[in-house]
Amino acid sequence: MREQIAVALGEKGPPALLDNLPDDYLLNYTVREVVEHLGLAGKLSGRKPLLVPADHGDHWSVLIVCRDRTGLLSRICGTLALNNLSVLSAKIHTWQDGTVVDLIDVKPVFNNEFQDQDWWALGKDLNLVLANRLGLTHRLAAKRTGRRSEPAPEHRRYSTTVKIDNKSSRLFTIIEVYAEDQVRQLIIRSLYREDGVGLGKPDRAIYFSRHLFVVIGRDSD
């Protein structure tokens, strides 16, 4: 895989650049996609995120490339919710140099078309949120208060269950979480605390969909 990427990049693919890419990240993307991600990472200016939305017919996706920071995933999910997008699944990876590549599948809360979604506003909001210039808590609370419709049946039939597995891997703790969307976001935020387990480390890999599957490194103790 690395050899194929080096060929695709030509002189732009020195060994140090390829060594920056974790194995679990390379297993989840094609050569073409990796080259695209490397191109976006090269365009990062400071800590401002880059967003690339795509229409897949039955769902949309948002590719986010940015620098890692505390609470990144919960802030991204909160910003998506603020912009009326519901998370379906996600592939979240962090390169060795702290570059984050998040591919998040979403669907609109309302029945609007892809071209009608204000992607520019999403990018602007995410930039403000990550810069601590836009608070999410009260804005999301106001949106929930303003909604009168009942939650969809698929959101009502899940009771919260958390399973922790320390035996399947010597290096990682595997956490499986079955919960409604709002509960999942609270769990994600709690995992991102600064004094706990190493979810914020560059080698993390997180996958979640209707049930949340998280892989995290053990704490430093």
N, C-alpha and C. Protein backbone atom coordinates (compact mmCIF):
# COMPACT_ATOMS: atom_id res chain seq x y z
N MET A 1 0.82 -1.20 0.00
CA MET A 1 0.00 0.00 0.00
C MET A 1 0.86 1.26 0.00
N ARG A 2 1.86 1.30 0.88
CA ARG A 2 2.73 2.48 0.95
C ARG A 2 3.50 2.66 -0.36
N GLU A 3 3.92 1.54 -0.96
CA GLU A 3 4.64 1.62 -2.22
C GLU A 3 3.74 2.19 -3.31
N GLN A 4 2.47 1.78 -3.32
CA GLN A 4 1.53 2.29 -4.32
C GLN A 4 1.30 3.78 -4.13
N ILE A 5 1.19 4.21 -2.87
CA ILE A 5 1.00 5.63 -2.59
C ILE A 5 2.23 6.42 -3.02
N ALA A 6 3.43 5.87 -2.76
CA ALA A 6 4.67 6.55 -3.15
C ALA A 6 4.73 6.73 -4.66
N VAL A 7 4.31 5.70 -5.41
CA VAL A 7 4.29 5.81 -6.86
C VAL A 7 3.30 6.88 -7.31
N ALA A 8 2.12 6.91 -6.67
CA ALA A 8 1.10 7.89 -7.05
C ALA A 8 1.55 9.32 -6.74
N LEU A 9 2.31 9.48 -5.67
CA LEU A 9 2.77 10.81 -5.27
C LEU A 9 4.02 11.24 -6.03
N GLY A 10 4.79 10.29 -6.52
CA GLY A 10 6.03 10.62 -7.21
C GLY A 10 7.03 11.24 -6.26
N GLU A 11 7.62 12.36 -6.64
CA GLU A 11 8.63 13.03 -5.82
C GLU A 11 8.02 13.66 -4.58
N LYS A 12 6.70 13.74 -4.51
CA LYS A 12 6.04 14.35 -3.36
C LYS A 12 5.84 13.35 -2.23
N GLY A 13 6.29 12.12 -2.40
CA GLY A 13 6.04 11.09 -1.40
C GLY A 13 7.29 10.57 -0.73
N PRO A 14 8.03 11.40 0.02
CA PRO A 14 9.21 10.92 0.73
C PRO A 14 8.82 9.92 1.82
N PRO A 15 9.76 9.05 2.24
CA PRO A 15 9.45 8.04 3.26
C PRO A 15 8.86 8.62 4.54
N ALA A 16 9.37 9.77 4.98
CA ALA A 16 8.88 10.36 6.22
C ALA A 16 7.39 10.68 6.12
N LEU A 17 6.94 11.10 4.94
CA LEU A 17 5.53 11.41 4.75
C LEU A 17 4.68 10.16 4.86
N LEU A 18 5.14 9.06 4.27
CA LEU A 18 4.39 7.82 4.31
C LEU A 18 4.42 7.19 5.69
N ASP A 19 5.52 7.33 6.42
CA ASP A 19 5.60 6.80 7.78
C ASP A 19 4.65 7.50 8.72
N ASN A 20 4.17 8.68 8.31
CA ASN A 20 3.23 9.45 9.12
C ASN A 20 1.84 8.84 9.14
N LEU A 21 1.58 7.90 8.23
CA LEU A 21 0.23 7.34 8.06
C LEU A 21 0.12 6.03 8.82
N PRO A 22 -0.78 5.95 9.82
CA PRO A 22 -0.95 4.71 10.61
C PRO A 22 -1.48 3.56 9.75
N ASP A 23 -1.17 2.35 10.16
CA ASP A 23 -1.61 1.17 9.42
C ASP A 23 -3.12 1.06 9.36
N ASP A 24 -3.80 1.32 10.50
CA ASP A 24 -5.26 1.18 10.51
C ASP A 24 -5.92 2.19 9.58
N TYR A 25 -5.30 3.34 9.41
CA TYR A 25 -5.82 4.33 8.47
C TYR A 25 -5.69 3.81 7.03
N LEU A 26 -4.53 3.27 6.69
CA LEU A 26 -4.30 2.78 5.33
C LEU A 26 -5.22 1.61 4.98
N LEU A 27 -5.63 0.83 5.97
CA LEU A 27 -6.52 -0.30 5.72
C LEU A 27 -7.93 0.14 5.35
N ASN A 28 -8.26 1.39 5.63
CA ASN A 28 -9.64 1.85 5.45
C ASN A 28 -9.83 2.75 4.24
N TYR A 29 -8.77 3.02 3.48
CA TYR A 29 -8.89 3.91 2.34
C TYR A 29 -8.11 3.38 1.14
N THR A 30 -8.54 3.80 -0.04
CA THR A 30 -7.85 3.44 -1.27
C THR A 30 -6.65 4.38 -1.49
N VAL A 31 -5.80 4.01 -2.43
CA VAL A 31 -4.65 4.86 -2.76
C VAL A 31 -5.12 6.24 -3.20
N ARG A 32 -6.13 6.27 -4.04
CA ARG A 32 -6.65 7.56 -4.52
C ARG A 32 -7.15 8.43 -3.36
N GLU A 33 -7.86 7.81 -2.42
CA GLU A 33 -8.38 8.58 -1.29
C GLU A 33 -7.25 9.08 -0.39
N VAL A 34 -6.24 8.26 -0.18
CA VAL A 34 -5.10 8.68 0.65
C VAL A 34 -4.39 9.86 0.00
N VAL A 35 -4.19 9.79 -1.31
CA VAL A 35 -3.54 10.91 -2.01
C VAL A 35 -4.38 12.18 -1.88
N GLU A 36 -5.71 12.03 -1.97
CA GLU A 36 -6.58 13.20 -1.78
C GLU A 36 -6.42 13.77 -0.39
N HIS A 37 -6.39 12.91 0.63
CA HIS A 37 -6.24 13.38 2.01
C HIS A 37 -4.90 14.08 2.22
N LEU A 38 -3.85 13.55 1.63
CA LEU A 38 -2.53 14.17 1.75
C LEU A 38 -2.54 15.56 1.11
N GLY A 39 -3.24 15.68 -0.01
CA GLY A 39 -3.34 16.99 -0.66
C GLY A 39 -4.07 18.00 0.20
N LEU A 40 -5.16 17.56 0.85
CA LEU A 40 -5.90 18.45 1.74
C LEU A 40 -5.06 18.82 2.95
N ALA A 41 -4.35 17.85 3.51
CA ALA A 41 -3.52 18.12 4.68
C ALA A 41 -2.45 19.15 4.35
N GLY A 42 -1.95 19.12 3.12
CA GLY A 42 -0.94 20.10 2.71
C GLY A 42 -1.49 21.50 2.59
N LYS A 43 -2.83 21.62 2.52
CA LYS A 43 -3.46 22.94 2.40
C LYS A 43 -3.91 23.50 3.74
N LEU A 44 -3.73 22.74 4.82
CA LEU A 44 -4.16 23.22 6.12
C LEU A 44 -3.42 24.50 6.48
N SER A 45 -4.19 25.48 6.90
CA SER A 45 -3.61 26.76 7.32
C SER A 45 -3.88 26.95 8.81
N GLY A 46 -2.83 26.82 9.62
CA GLY A 46 -3.02 26.94 11.05
C GLY A 46 -3.90 25.82 11.57
N ARG A 47 -4.92 26.16 12.34
CA ARG A 47 -5.80 25.17 12.94
C ARG A 47 -7.20 25.20 12.32
N LYS A 48 -7.33 25.88 11.19
CA LYS A 48 -8.63 25.96 10.53
C LYS A 48 -8.93 24.66 9.80
N PRO A 49 -10.10 24.04 10.03
CA PRO A 49 -10.43 22.76 9.39
C PRO A 49 -10.82 22.91 7.93
N LEU A 50 -10.63 21.83 7.17
CA LEU A 50 -11.09 21.76 5.79
C LEU A 50 -12.21 20.75 5.69
N LEU A 51 -13.30 21.10 4.98
CA LEU A 51 -14.46 20.22 4.84
C LEU A 51 -14.71 19.93 3.38
N VAL A 52 -15.01 18.65 3.09
CA VAL A 52 -15.37 18.25 1.73
C VAL A 52 -16.64 17.40 1.80
N PRO A 53 -17.80 17.98 1.52
CA PRO A 53 -19.05 17.20 1.53
C PRO A 53 -19.22 16.44 0.23
N ALA A 54 -19.96 15.32 0.29
CA ALA A 54 -20.23 14.52 -0.91
C ALA A 54 -21.62 13.91 -0.81
N ASP A 55 -22.26 13.79 -1.96
CA ASP A 55 -23.61 13.22 -2.04
C ASP A 55 -23.50 11.78 -2.54
N HIS A 56 -23.99 10.83 -1.73
CA HIS A 56 -23.95 9.42 -2.10
C HIS A 56 -25.35 8.85 -2.38
N GLY A 57 -26.29 9.72 -2.62
CA GLY A 57 -27.64 9.28 -2.94
C GLY A 57 -28.47 9.05 -1.70
N ASP A 58 -28.31 7.88 -1.06
CA ASP A 58 -29.12 7.58 0.12
C ASP A 58 -28.55 8.22 1.39
N HIS A 59 -27.37 8.79 1.31
CA HIS A 59 -26.80 9.52 2.44
C HIS A 59 -25.72 10.47 1.93
N TRP A 60 -25.27 11.36 2.79
CA TRP A 60 -24.19 12.27 2.47
C TRP A 60 -22.98 11.94 3.33
N SER A 61 -21.84 12.47 2.96
CA SER A 61 -20.66 12.33 3.81
C SER A 61 -19.96 13.68 3.92
N VAL A 62 -19.24 13.84 5.01
CA VAL A 62 -18.44 15.04 5.22
C VAL A 62 -17.02 14.60 5.60
N LEU A 63 -16.07 14.91 4.75
CA LEU A 63 -14.66 14.64 5.04
C LEU A 63 -14.09 15.87 5.74
N ILE A 64 -13.53 15.66 6.91
CA ILE A 64 -12.97 16.77 7.69
C ILE A 64 -11.50 16.49 7.93
N VAL A 65 -10.65 17.42 7.54
CA VAL A 65 -9.22 17.33 7.77
C VAL A 65 -8.80 18.54 8.59
N CYS A 66 -8.18 18.28 9.73
CA CYS A 66 -7.78 19.37 10.61
C CYS A 66 -6.70 18.89 11.57
N ARG A 67 -6.27 19.78 12.45
CA ARG A 67 -5.31 19.41 13.47
C ARG A 67 -6.06 18.87 14.69
N ASP A 68 -5.45 17.90 15.37
CA ASP A 68 -6.08 17.29 16.53
C ASP A 68 -6.10 18.26 17.70
N ARG A 69 -7.11 18.10 18.54
CA ARG A 69 -7.23 18.91 19.76
C ARG A 69 -8.20 18.21 20.69
N THR A 70 -8.22 18.62 21.94
CA THR A 70 -9.08 18.00 22.94
C THR A 70 -10.55 18.20 22.59
N GLY A 71 -11.33 17.11 22.68
CA GLY A 71 -12.77 17.19 22.46
C GLY A 71 -13.17 17.38 21.01
N LEU A 72 -12.29 17.05 20.07
CA LEU A 72 -12.57 17.31 18.66
C LEU A 72 -13.82 16.60 18.17
N LEU A 73 -13.94 15.30 18.43
CA LEU A 73 -15.06 14.54 17.90
C LEU A 73 -16.40 15.05 18.42
N SER A 74 -16.49 15.35 19.71
CA SER A 74 -17.75 15.84 20.25
C SER A 74 -18.10 17.20 19.67
N ARG A 75 -17.10 18.03 19.41
CA ARG A 75 -17.36 19.34 18.81
C ARG A 75 -17.84 19.20 17.37
N ILE A 76 -17.23 18.27 16.63
CA ILE A 76 -17.67 18.04 15.27
C ILE A 76 -19.12 17.55 15.24
N CYS A 77 -19.43 16.56 16.07
CA CYS A 77 -20.79 16.02 16.10
C CYS A 77 -21.80 17.08 16.54
N GLY A 78 -21.41 17.90 17.50
CA GLY A 78 -22.30 18.97 17.94
C GLY A 78 -22.55 19.98 16.85
N THR A 79 -21.52 20.32 16.08
CA THR A 79 -21.67 21.28 14.98
C THR A 79 -22.54 20.70 13.88
N LEU A 80 -22.40 19.42 13.60
CA LEU A 80 -23.27 18.77 12.61
C LEU A 80 -24.73 18.83 13.06
N ALA A 81 -24.96 18.54 14.34
CA ALA A 81 -26.33 18.59 14.87
C ALA A 81 -26.89 20.01 14.78
N LEU A 82 -26.04 20.99 15.07
CA LEU A 82 -26.47 22.39 14.99
C LEU A 82 -26.90 22.77 13.58
N ASN A 83 -26.31 22.12 12.59
CA ASN A 83 -26.63 22.38 11.19
C ASN A 83 -27.61 21.35 10.62
N ASN A 84 -28.38 20.73 11.52
CA ASN A 84 -29.47 19.82 11.13
C ASN A 84 -28.99 18.60 10.34
N LEU A 85 -27.86 18.04 10.78
CA LEU A 85 -27.34 16.83 10.18
C LEU A 85 -27.21 15.76 11.25
N SER A 86 -27.71 14.57 10.96
CA SER A 86 -27.66 13.46 11.90
C SER A 86 -26.55 12.49 11.48
N VAL A 87 -25.71 12.10 12.42
CA VAL A 87 -24.58 11.22 12.13
C VAL A 87 -25.06 9.77 11.98
N LEU A 88 -24.68 9.14 10.89
CA LEU A 88 -25.00 7.73 10.65
C LEU A 88 -23.84 6.82 11.04
N SER A 89 -22.64 7.17 10.62
CA SER A 89 -21.45 6.39 10.94
C SER A 89 -20.23 7.27 10.71
N ALA A 90 -19.09 6.81 11.17
CA ALA A 90 -17.88 7.62 11.02
C ALA A 90 -16.64 6.76 11.05
N LYS A 91 -15.64 7.19 10.28
CA LYS A 91 -14.29 6.63 10.34
C LYS A 91 -13.37 7.77 10.77
N ILE A 92 -12.71 7.60 11.90
CA ILE A 92 -11.94 8.68 12.49
C ILE A 92 -10.51 8.22 12.70
N HIS A 93 -9.57 8.94 12.13
CA HIS A 93 -8.17 8.57 12.23
C HIS A 93 -7.31 9.79 12.50
N THR A 94 -6.22 9.57 13.20
CA THR A 94 -5.25 10.63 13.46
C THR A 94 -3.87 10.15 13.03
N TRP A 95 -3.22 10.93 12.18
CA TRP A 95 -1.88 10.59 11.73
C TRP A 95 -0.87 10.86 12.83
N GLN A 96 0.34 10.37 12.63
CA GLN A 96 1.37 10.51 13.65
C GLN A 96 1.70 11.96 13.96
N ASP A 97 1.53 12.87 13.01
CA ASP A 97 1.86 14.28 13.23
C ASP A 97 0.69 15.07 13.81
N GLY A 98 -0.42 14.38 14.15
CA GLY A 98 -1.56 15.06 14.74
C GLY A 98 -2.60 15.54 13.74
N THR A 99 -2.44 15.19 12.46
CA THR A 99 -3.45 15.53 11.46
C THR A 99 -4.62 14.56 11.59
N VAL A 100 -5.81 15.09 11.67
CA VAL A 100 -7.03 14.29 11.82
C VAL A 100 -7.73 14.17 10.47
N VAL A 101 -8.12 12.95 10.12
CA VAL A 101 -8.92 12.70 8.92
C VAL A 101 -10.19 11.99 9.36
N ASP A 102 -11.30 12.70 9.35
CA ASP A 102 -12.59 12.17 9.78
C ASP A 102 -13.52 12.09 8.58
N LEU A 103 -14.05 10.93 8.31
CA LEU A 103 -15.05 10.76 7.26
C LEU A 103 -16.36 10.37 7.94
N ILE A 104 -17.33 11.27 7.91
CA ILE A 104 -18.56 11.09 8.66
C ILE A 104 -19.74 11.02 7.70
N ASP A 105 -20.49 9.92 7.78
CA ASP A 105 -21.71 9.78 6.99
C ASP A 105 -22.86 10.41 7.75
N VAL A 106 -23.64 11.22 7.05
CA VAL A 106 -24.73 11.95 7.68
C VAL A 106 -25.99 11.88 6.82
N LYS A 107 -27.09 12.26 7.43
CA LYS A 107 -28.33 12.46 6.70
C LYS A 107 -28.97 13.73 7.25
N PRO A 108 -29.76 14.43 6.44
CA PRO A 108 -30.39 15.66 6.92
C PRO A 108 -31.54 15.35 7.87
N VAL A 109 -31.68 16.18 8.88
CA VAL A 109 -32.81 16.03 9.81
C VAL A 109 -34.11 16.28 9.07
N PHE A 110 -34.09 17.26 8.18
CA PHE A 110 -35.26 17.57 7.36
C PHE A 110 -35.03 17.03 5.94
N ASN A 111 -36.06 16.99 5.14
CA ASN A 111 -35.96 16.39 3.81
C ASN A 111 -35.45 17.38 2.76
N ASN A 112 -34.36 18.04 3.05
CA ASN A 112 -33.79 18.96 2.08
C ASN A 112 -32.79 18.24 1.18
N GLU A 113 -32.50 18.83 0.02
CA GLU A 113 -31.59 18.24 -0.94
C GLU A 113 -30.14 18.62 -0.62
N PHE A 114 -29.21 17.82 -1.15
CA PHE A 114 -27.79 18.06 -0.89
C PHE A 114 -27.38 19.47 -1.29
N GLN A 115 -27.83 19.93 -2.45
CA GLN A 115 -27.43 21.24 -2.93
C GLN A 115 -28.05 22.38 -2.12
N ASP A 116 -29.11 22.05 -1.36
CA ASP A 116 -29.76 23.08 -0.54
C ASP A 116 -29.13 23.20 0.84
N GLN A 117 -28.32 22.23 1.24
CA GLN A 117 -27.64 22.29 2.53
C GLN A 117 -26.57 23.39 2.49
N ASP A 118 -26.51 24.20 3.52
CA ASP A 118 -25.55 25.30 3.57
C ASP A 118 -24.21 24.78 4.10
N TRP A 119 -23.41 24.22 3.21
CA TRP A 119 -22.12 23.65 3.61
C TRP A 119 -21.13 24.73 4.04
N TRP A 120 -21.24 25.89 3.45
CA TRP A 120 -20.37 27.00 3.85
C TRP A 120 -20.62 27.36 5.31
N ALA A 121 -21.89 27.40 5.69
CA ALA A 121 -22.23 27.72 7.08
C ALA A 121 -21.71 26.65 8.03
N LEU A 122 -21.76 25.38 7.61
CA LEU A 122 -21.22 24.31 8.44
C LEU A 122 -19.73 24.50 8.67
N GLY A 123 -19.00 24.81 7.62
CA GLY A 123 -17.58 25.05 7.76
C GLY A 123 -17.27 26.24 8.65
N LYS A 124 -18.05 27.28 8.48
CA LYS A 124 -17.86 28.48 9.31
C LYS A 124 -18.14 28.17 10.78
N ASP A 125 -19.24 27.48 11.05
CA ASP A 125 -19.58 27.13 12.44
C ASP A 125 -18.51 26.24 13.07
N LEU A 126 -18.02 25.25 12.32
CA LEU A 126 -17.01 24.35 12.87
C LEU A 126 -15.73 25.11 13.19
N ASN A 127 -15.35 26.01 12.31
CA ASN A 127 -14.16 26.82 12.56
C ASN A 127 -14.32 27.64 13.84
N LEU A 128 -15.49 28.23 14.03
CA LEU A 128 -15.74 29.04 15.24
C LEU A 128 -15.79 28.16 16.49
N VAL A 129 -16.40 26.98 16.37
CA VAL A 129 -16.48 26.07 17.52
C VAL A 129 -15.08 25.63 17.95
N LEU A 130 -14.25 25.24 16.98
CA LEU A 130 -12.91 24.77 17.31
C LEU A 130 -12.02 25.89 17.82
N ALA A 131 -12.36 27.12 17.48
CA ALA A 131 -11.61 28.27 17.97
C ALA A 131 -12.18 28.79 19.29
N ASN A 132 -13.16 28.06 19.85
CA ASN A 132 -13.82 28.45 21.11
C ASN A 132 -14.51 29.81 21.00
N ARG A 133 -15.04 30.08 19.83
CA ARG A 133 -15.75 31.35 19.60
C ARG A 133 -17.24 31.14 19.37
N LEU A 134 -17.69 29.88 19.44
CA LEU A 134 -19.11 29.57 19.29
C LEU A 134 -19.45 28.44 20.23
N GLY A 135 -20.32 28.71 21.20
CA GLY A 135 -20.72 27.70 22.18
C GLY A 135 -21.81 26.81 21.63
N LEU A 136 -21.71 25.51 21.92
CA LEU A 136 -22.68 24.56 21.40
C LEU A 136 -23.77 24.20 22.39
N THR A 137 -23.45 24.17 23.67
CA THR A 137 -24.36 23.60 24.66
C THR A 137 -25.73 24.26 24.64
N HIS A 138 -25.78 25.58 24.79
CA HIS A 138 -27.08 26.24 24.88
C HIS A 138 -27.78 26.28 23.53
N ARG A 139 -27.01 26.31 22.44
CA ARG A 139 -27.62 26.32 21.11
C ARG A 139 -28.29 24.98 20.80
N LEU A 140 -27.62 23.90 21.15
CA LEU A 140 -28.21 22.58 20.93
C LEU A 140 -29.40 22.35 21.86
N ALA A 141 -29.30 22.85 23.08
CA ALA A 141 -30.43 22.73 24.01
C ALA A 141 -31.64 23.47 23.48
N ALA A 142 -31.42 24.66 22.89
CA ALA A 142 -32.52 25.44 22.34
C ALA A 142 -33.16 24.71 21.16
N LYS A 143 -32.33 24.03 20.33
CA LYS A 143 -32.88 23.29 19.20
C LYS A 143 -33.74 22.13 19.67
N ARG A 144 -33.28 21.41 20.71
CA ARG A 144 -34.06 20.28 21.22
C ARG A 144 -35.37 20.76 21.83
N THR A 145 -35.31 21.90 22.52
CA THR A 145 -36.52 22.44 23.14
C THR A 145 -37.53 22.85 22.08
N GLY A 146 -37.03 23.34 20.95
CA GLY A 146 -37.92 23.82 19.90
C GLY A 146 -38.55 22.73 19.07
N ARG A 147 -38.05 21.51 19.17
CA ARG A 147 -38.61 20.41 18.38
C ARG A 147 -39.81 19.80 19.09
N ARG A 148 -40.90 19.66 18.38
CA ARG A 148 -42.13 19.12 18.95
C ARG A 148 -42.39 17.67 18.53
N SER A 149 -41.72 17.23 17.47
CA SER A 149 -42.02 15.89 16.96
C SER A 149 -41.42 14.82 17.86
N GLU A 150 -42.03 13.66 17.84
CA GLU A 150 -41.55 12.52 18.61
C GLU A 150 -40.30 11.95 17.95
N PRO A 151 -39.39 11.37 18.69
CA PRO A 151 -38.22 10.75 18.08
C PRO A 151 -38.62 9.56 17.22
N ALA A 152 -37.82 9.31 16.19
CA ALA A 152 -38.11 8.20 15.29
C ALA A 152 -38.06 6.88 16.05
N PRO A 153 -38.79 5.87 15.61
CA PRO A 153 -38.83 4.59 16.33
C PRO A 153 -37.46 3.99 16.54
N GLU A 154 -36.53 4.14 15.56
CA GLU A 154 -35.23 3.52 15.73
C GLU A 154 -34.45 4.14 16.87
N HIS A 155 -34.81 5.36 17.27
CA HIS A 155 -34.15 6.00 18.40
C HIS A 155 -34.75 5.57 19.72
N ARG A 156 -35.93 4.96 19.69
CA ARG A 156 -36.62 4.63 20.94
C ARG A 156 -36.37 3.20 21.40
N ARG A 157 -35.90 2.35 20.51
CA ARG A 157 -35.83 0.95 20.89
C ARG A 157 -34.48 0.52 21.45
N TYR A 158 -33.57 1.46 21.66
CA TYR A 158 -32.27 1.12 22.20
C TYR A 158 -32.16 1.53 23.67
N SER A 159 -31.87 0.57 24.53
CA SER A 159 -31.52 0.89 25.90
C SER A 159 -30.01 1.04 25.95
N THR A 160 -29.53 1.83 26.90
CA THR A 160 -28.09 2.10 26.96
C THR A 160 -27.34 0.92 27.55
N THR A 161 -26.37 0.40 26.80
CA THR A 161 -25.53 -0.70 27.24
C THR A 161 -24.08 -0.39 26.90
N VAL A 162 -23.19 -0.57 27.87
CA VAL A 162 -21.76 -0.33 27.65
C VAL A 162 -21.00 -1.59 27.98
N LYS A 163 -20.19 -2.08 27.03
CA LYS A 163 -19.36 -3.27 27.24
C LYS A 163 -17.89 -2.89 27.08
N ILE A 164 -17.07 -3.24 28.07
CA ILE A 164 -15.65 -2.92 28.05
C ILE A 164 -14.85 -4.21 27.97
N ASP A 165 -13.98 -4.29 26.99
CA ASP A 165 -13.19 -5.50 26.73
C ASP A 165 -11.70 -5.17 26.80
N ASN A 166 -11.02 -5.69 27.82
CA ASN A 166 -9.58 -5.51 27.98
C ASN A 166 -8.79 -6.76 27.59
N LYS A 167 -9.46 -7.79 27.06
CA LYS A 167 -8.80 -9.06 26.78
C LYS A 167 -8.50 -9.28 25.31
N SER A 168 -9.26 -8.67 24.42
CA SER A 168 -9.09 -8.94 22.99
C SER A 168 -7.81 -8.35 22.42
N SER A 169 -7.28 -7.32 23.09
CA SER A 169 -6.06 -6.68 22.60
C SER A 169 -5.15 -6.35 23.77
N ARG A 170 -3.83 -6.52 23.54
CA ARG A 170 -2.87 -6.17 24.59
C ARG A 170 -2.63 -4.66 24.63
N LEU A 171 -2.92 -3.96 23.52
CA LEU A 171 -2.58 -2.55 23.41
C LEU A 171 -3.77 -1.62 23.57
N PHE A 172 -4.97 -2.15 23.35
CA PHE A 172 -6.14 -1.29 23.32
C PHE A 172 -7.25 -1.80 24.22
N THR A 173 -8.10 -0.89 24.62
CA THR A 173 -9.35 -1.24 25.27
C THR A 173 -10.47 -1.07 24.24
N ILE A 174 -11.33 -2.05 24.13
CA ILE A 174 -12.45 -1.98 23.18
C ILE A 174 -13.73 -1.69 23.95
N ILE A 175 -14.41 -0.64 23.56
CA ILE A 175 -15.65 -0.24 24.22
C ILE A 175 -16.78 -0.27 23.20
N GLU A 176 -17.81 -1.02 23.48
CA GLU A 176 -19.00 -1.05 22.64
C GLU A 176 -20.14 -0.35 23.39
N VAL A 177 -20.75 0.60 22.73
CA VAL A 177 -21.82 1.38 23.35
C VAL A 177 -23.07 1.29 22.48
N TYR A 178 -24.16 0.81 23.08
CA TYR A 178 -25.46 0.81 22.42
C TYR A 178 -26.31 1.87 23.12
N ALA A 179 -26.70 2.90 22.36
CA ALA A 179 -27.43 3.99 23.02
C ALA A 179 -28.09 4.87 21.99
N GLU A 180 -28.98 5.74 22.46
CA GLU A 180 -29.58 6.75 21.60
C GLU A 180 -28.52 7.80 21.28
N ASP A 181 -28.80 8.60 20.24
CA ASP A 181 -27.82 9.56 19.75
C ASP A 181 -27.32 10.50 20.84
N GLN A 182 -28.23 11.07 21.63
CA GLN A 182 -27.83 12.05 22.63
C GLN A 182 -26.94 11.42 23.69
N VAL A 183 -27.26 10.19 24.08
CA VAL A 183 -26.45 9.50 25.08
C VAL A 183 -25.07 9.20 24.52
N ARG A 184 -25.02 8.81 23.26
CA ARG A 184 -23.73 8.52 22.64
C ARG A 184 -22.83 9.74 22.67
N GLN A 185 -23.39 10.92 22.41
CA GLN A 185 -22.57 12.13 22.41
C GLN A 185 -22.02 12.42 23.81
N LEU A 186 -22.81 12.17 24.84
CA LEU A 186 -22.32 12.36 26.21
C LEU A 186 -21.17 11.41 26.52
N ILE A 187 -21.29 10.17 26.03
CA ILE A 187 -20.23 9.20 26.27
C ILE A 187 -18.96 9.61 25.54
N ILE A 188 -19.10 10.08 24.30
CA ILE A 188 -17.94 10.54 23.54
C ILE A 188 -17.24 11.68 24.27
N ARG A 189 -18.03 12.61 24.79
CA ARG A 189 -17.42 13.74 25.50
C ARG A 189 -16.67 13.26 26.74
N SER A 190 -17.25 12.31 27.46
CA SER A 190 -16.59 11.83 28.68
C SER A 190 -15.29 11.12 28.36
N LEU A 191 -15.22 10.45 27.19
CA LEU A 191 -14.00 9.76 26.80
C LEU A 191 -12.89 10.73 26.44
N TYR A 192 -13.26 11.95 26.11
CA TYR A 192 -12.27 12.93 25.70
C TYR A 192 -11.75 13.78 26.85
N ARG A 193 -11.98 13.37 28.07
CA ARG A 193 -11.48 14.16 29.19
C ARG A 193 -9.95 14.16 29.16
N GLU A 194 -9.36 15.21 29.66
CA GLU A 194 -7.92 15.38 29.53
C GLU A 194 -7.14 14.49 30.46
N ASP A 195 -7.69 14.07 31.60
CA ASP A 195 -6.91 13.34 32.59
C ASP A 195 -7.18 11.84 32.59
N GLY A 196 -7.84 11.34 31.54
CA GLY A 196 -8.21 9.93 31.55
C GLY A 196 -7.50 9.13 30.48
N VAL A 197 -8.24 8.20 29.88
CA VAL A 197 -7.66 7.30 28.90
C VAL A 197 -7.21 8.05 27.67
N GLY A 198 -6.34 7.40 26.88
CA GLY A 198 -5.68 8.11 25.78
C GLY A 198 -6.45 8.15 24.50
N LEU A 199 -7.72 8.53 24.51
CA LEU A 199 -8.49 8.60 23.28
C LEU A 199 -7.98 9.69 22.37
N GLY A 200 -7.36 10.71 22.95
CA GLY A 200 -6.89 11.81 22.12
C GLY A 200 -5.52 11.58 21.52
N LYS A 201 -4.92 10.40 21.72
CA LYS A 201 -3.59 10.14 21.19
C LYS A 201 -3.65 9.95 19.67
N PRO A 202 -2.54 10.22 18.98
CA PRO A 202 -2.54 10.14 17.52
C PRO A 202 -2.82 8.76 16.95
N ASP A 203 -2.70 7.67 17.75
CA ASP A 203 -2.89 6.34 17.19
C ASP A 203 -4.30 5.81 17.35
N ARG A 204 -5.24 6.68 17.69
CA ARG A 204 -6.58 6.18 17.96
C ARG A 204 -7.31 5.84 16.66
N ALA A 205 -8.24 4.94 16.75
CA ALA A 205 -9.14 4.64 15.64
C ALA A 205 -10.52 4.46 16.23
N ILE A 206 -11.50 5.15 15.69
CA ILE A 206 -12.85 5.10 16.23
C ILE A 206 -13.82 4.82 15.08
N TYR A 207 -14.74 3.90 15.31
CA TYR A 207 -15.76 3.60 14.32
C TYR A 207 -17.10 3.58 15.06
N PHE A 208 -18.09 4.27 14.53
CA PHE A 208 -19.39 4.16 15.16
C PHE A 208 -20.49 4.34 14.14
N SER A 209 -21.61 3.70 14.44
CA SER A 209 -22.80 3.84 13.61
C SER A 209 -23.98 3.85 14.55
N ARG A 210 -25.05 3.09 14.23
CA ARG A 210 -26.18 3.06 15.16
C ARG A 210 -25.75 2.51 16.49
N HIS A 211 -24.83 1.52 16.48
CA HIS A 211 -24.17 1.19 17.73
C HIS A 211 -22.75 1.72 17.62
N LEU A 212 -22.26 2.24 18.70
CA LEU A 212 -20.96 2.90 18.72
C LEU A 212 -19.88 1.92 19.10
N PHE A 213 -18.85 1.84 18.27
CA PHE A 213 -17.73 0.95 18.52
C PHE A 213 -16.47 1.80 18.60
N VAL A 214 -15.83 1.82 19.75
CA VAL A 214 -14.70 2.69 19.96
C VAL A 214 -13.46 1.87 20.33
N VAL A 215 -12.34 2.18 19.73
CA VAL A 215 -11.07 1.59 20.12
C VAL A 215 -10.19 2.68 20.67
N ILE A 216 -9.69 2.51 21.90
CA ILE A 216 -8.87 3.54 22.53
C ILE A 216 -7.64 2.92 23.15
N GLY A 217 -6.60 3.70 23.31
CA GLY A 217 -5.40 3.21 23.97
C GLY A 217 -5.60 3.19 25.47
N ARG A 218 -4.88 2.29 26.13
CA ARG A 218 -4.95 2.26 27.60
C ARG A 218 -4.34 3.53 28.15
N ASP A 219 -4.70 3.88 29.40
CA ASP A 219 -4.13 5.08 29.97
C ASP A 219 -2.65 4.85 30.33
N SER A 220 -1.97 5.93 30.62
CA SER A 220 -0.53 5.87 30.81
C SER A 220 -0.11 5.11 32.05
N ASP A 221 -1.05 4.83 32.95
CA ASP A 221 -0.72 4.09 34.15
C ASP A 221 -0.53 2.61 33.84
